[in-house]
Amino acid sequence: MKYIEHSIHEESFPTLCKWIDAKPLPIGRHTKDKNAGFGSAAGLIAAGYKLHVIADSRQ
């Protein structure tokens, strides 16, 4: 996280092209975490989170 935070603050000029990606992060089926969603994850039905990333060519 420190690396990402540092790289964001060092940007001298914005780029015109960005990529957006999302990856499922499945967790145990019997979780009590109310923030965990339930849905399709890598061809399975699973409980978990979704990690979203926005990056440009410099990352």
C-alpha atoms as a PDB file:
ATOM      1  CA  MET A   1       0.000   0.000   0.000  1.00  0.00           C
ATOM      2  CA  LYS A   2       2.874   2.394   0.765  1.00  0.00           C
ATOM      3  CA  TYR A   3       4.265   1.825  -2.759  1.00  0.00           C
ATOM      4  CA  ILE A   4       0.901   2.589  -4.365  1.00  0.00           C
ATOM      5  CA  GLU A   5       0.360   5.664  -2.213  1.00  0.00           C
ATOM      6  CA  HIS A   6       3.859   6.945  -3.021  1.00  0.00           C
ATOM      7  CA  SER A   7       3.413   6.377  -6.766  1.00  0.00           C
ATOM      8  CA  ILE A   8       0.108   8.262  -6.781  1.00  0.00           C
ATOM      9  CA  HIS A   9       1.650  11.307  -5.120  1.00  0.00           C
ATOM     10  CA  GLU A  10       4.651  11.328  -7.493  1.00  0.00           C
ATOM     11  CA  GLU A  11       2.604  11.678 -10.691  1.00  0.00           C
ATOM     12  CA  SER A  12       3.807  14.742 -12.536  1.00  0.00           C
ATOM     13  CA  PHE A  13       1.233  14.661 -15.335  1.00  0.00           C
ATOM     14  CA  PRO A  14      -1.890  12.583 -15.990  1.00  0.00           C
ATOM     15  CA  THR A  15      -1.996  10.040 -18.807  1.00  0.00           C
ATOM     16  CA  LEU A  16      -4.839   9.850 -21.293  1.00  0.00           C
ATOM     17  CA  CYS A  17      -5.331   6.084 -21.076  1.00  0.00           C
ATOM     18  CA  LYS A  18      -6.287   4.096 -17.971  1.00  0.00           C
ATOM     19  CA  TRP A  19      -7.172   0.429 -17.453  1.00  0.00           C
ATOM     20  CA  ILE A  20      -9.828  -0.754 -15.032  1.00  0.00           C
ATOM     21  CA  ASP A  21      -9.762  -4.325 -13.748  1.00  0.00           C
ATOM     22  CA  ALA A  22     -11.706  -6.229 -11.102  1.00  0.00           C
ATOM     23  CA  LYS A  23     -10.765  -9.536  -9.507  1.00  0.00           C
ATOM     24  CA  PRO A  24     -12.876 -11.699  -7.193  1.00  0.00           C
ATOM     25  CA  LEU A  25     -11.452 -12.451  -3.752  1.00  0.00           C
ATOM     26  CA  PRO A  26     -13.482 -15.433  -2.499  1.00  0.00           C
ATOM     27  CA  ILE A  27     -13.652 -16.218   1.213  1.00  0.00           C
ATOM     28  CA  GLY A  28     -15.142 -19.036   3.275  1.00  0.00           C
ATOM     29  CA  ARG A  29     -18.751 -19.906   2.613  1.00  0.00           C
ATOM     30  CA  HIS A  30     -19.835 -19.583   6.239  1.00  0.00           C
ATOM     31  CA  THR A  31     -18.488 -16.104   6.839  1.00  0.00           C
ATOM     32  CA  LYS A  32     -20.294 -13.763   9.183  1.00  0.00           C
ATOM     33  CA  ASP A  33     -18.864 -10.675   7.476  1.00  0.00           C
ATOM     34  CA  LYS A  34     -21.794  -8.481   6.420  1.00  0.00           C
ATOM     35  CA  ASN A  35     -19.596  -6.625   3.892  1.00  0.00           C
ATOM     36  CA  ALA A  36     -18.889  -9.786   1.890  1.00  0.00           C
ATOM     37  CA  GLY A  37     -20.984 -10.114  -1.244  1.00  0.00           C
ATOM     38  CA  PHE A  38     -22.315 -13.288  -2.844  1.00  0.00           C
ATOM     39  CA  GLY A  39     -22.142 -13.973  -6.562  1.00  0.00           C
ATOM     40  CA  SER A  40     -20.145 -15.260  -9.509  1.00  0.00           C
ATOM     41  CA  ALA A  41     -16.386 -15.530  -8.958  1.00  0.00           C
ATOM     42  CA  ALA A  42     -14.102 -17.227 -11.491  1.00  0.00           C
ATOM     43  CA  GLY A  43     -16.830 -19.557 -12.736  1.00  0.00           C
ATOM     44  CA  LEU A  44     -18.106 -20.386  -9.251  1.00  0.00           C
ATOM     45  CA  ILE A  45     -20.778 -19.022  -6.957  1.00  0.00           C
ATOM     46  CA  ALA A  46     -18.930 -17.769  -3.887  1.00  0.00           C
ATOM     47  CA  ALA A  47     -18.986 -15.304  -1.027  1.00  0.00           C
ATOM     48  CA  GLY A  48     -16.264 -12.695  -0.946  1.00  0.00           C
ATOM     49  CA  TYR A  49     -15.071  -9.316  -2.087  1.00  0.00           C
ATOM     50  CA  LYS A  50     -14.182  -7.718  -5.398  1.00  0.00           C
ATOM     51  CA  LEU A  51     -10.900  -5.849  -5.792  1.00  0.00           C
ATOM     52  CA  HIS A  52     -11.052  -2.962  -8.285  1.00  0.00           C
ATOM     53  CA  VAL A  53      -7.882  -1.413  -9.717  1.00  0.00           C
ATOM     54  CA  ILE A  54      -7.384   1.601 -11.978  1.00  0.00           C
ATOM     55  CA  ALA A  55      -3.918   1.808 -13.544  1.00  0.00           C
ATOM     56  CA  ASP A  56      -2.088   3.497 -16.386  1.00  0.00           C
ATOM     57  CA  SER A  57       0.897   2.512 -18.527  1.00  0.00           C
ATOM     58  CA  ARG A  58       3.384   3.785 -15.922  1.00  0.00           C
ATOM     59  CA  GLN A  59       2.270   1.254 -13.303  1.00  0.00           C
END
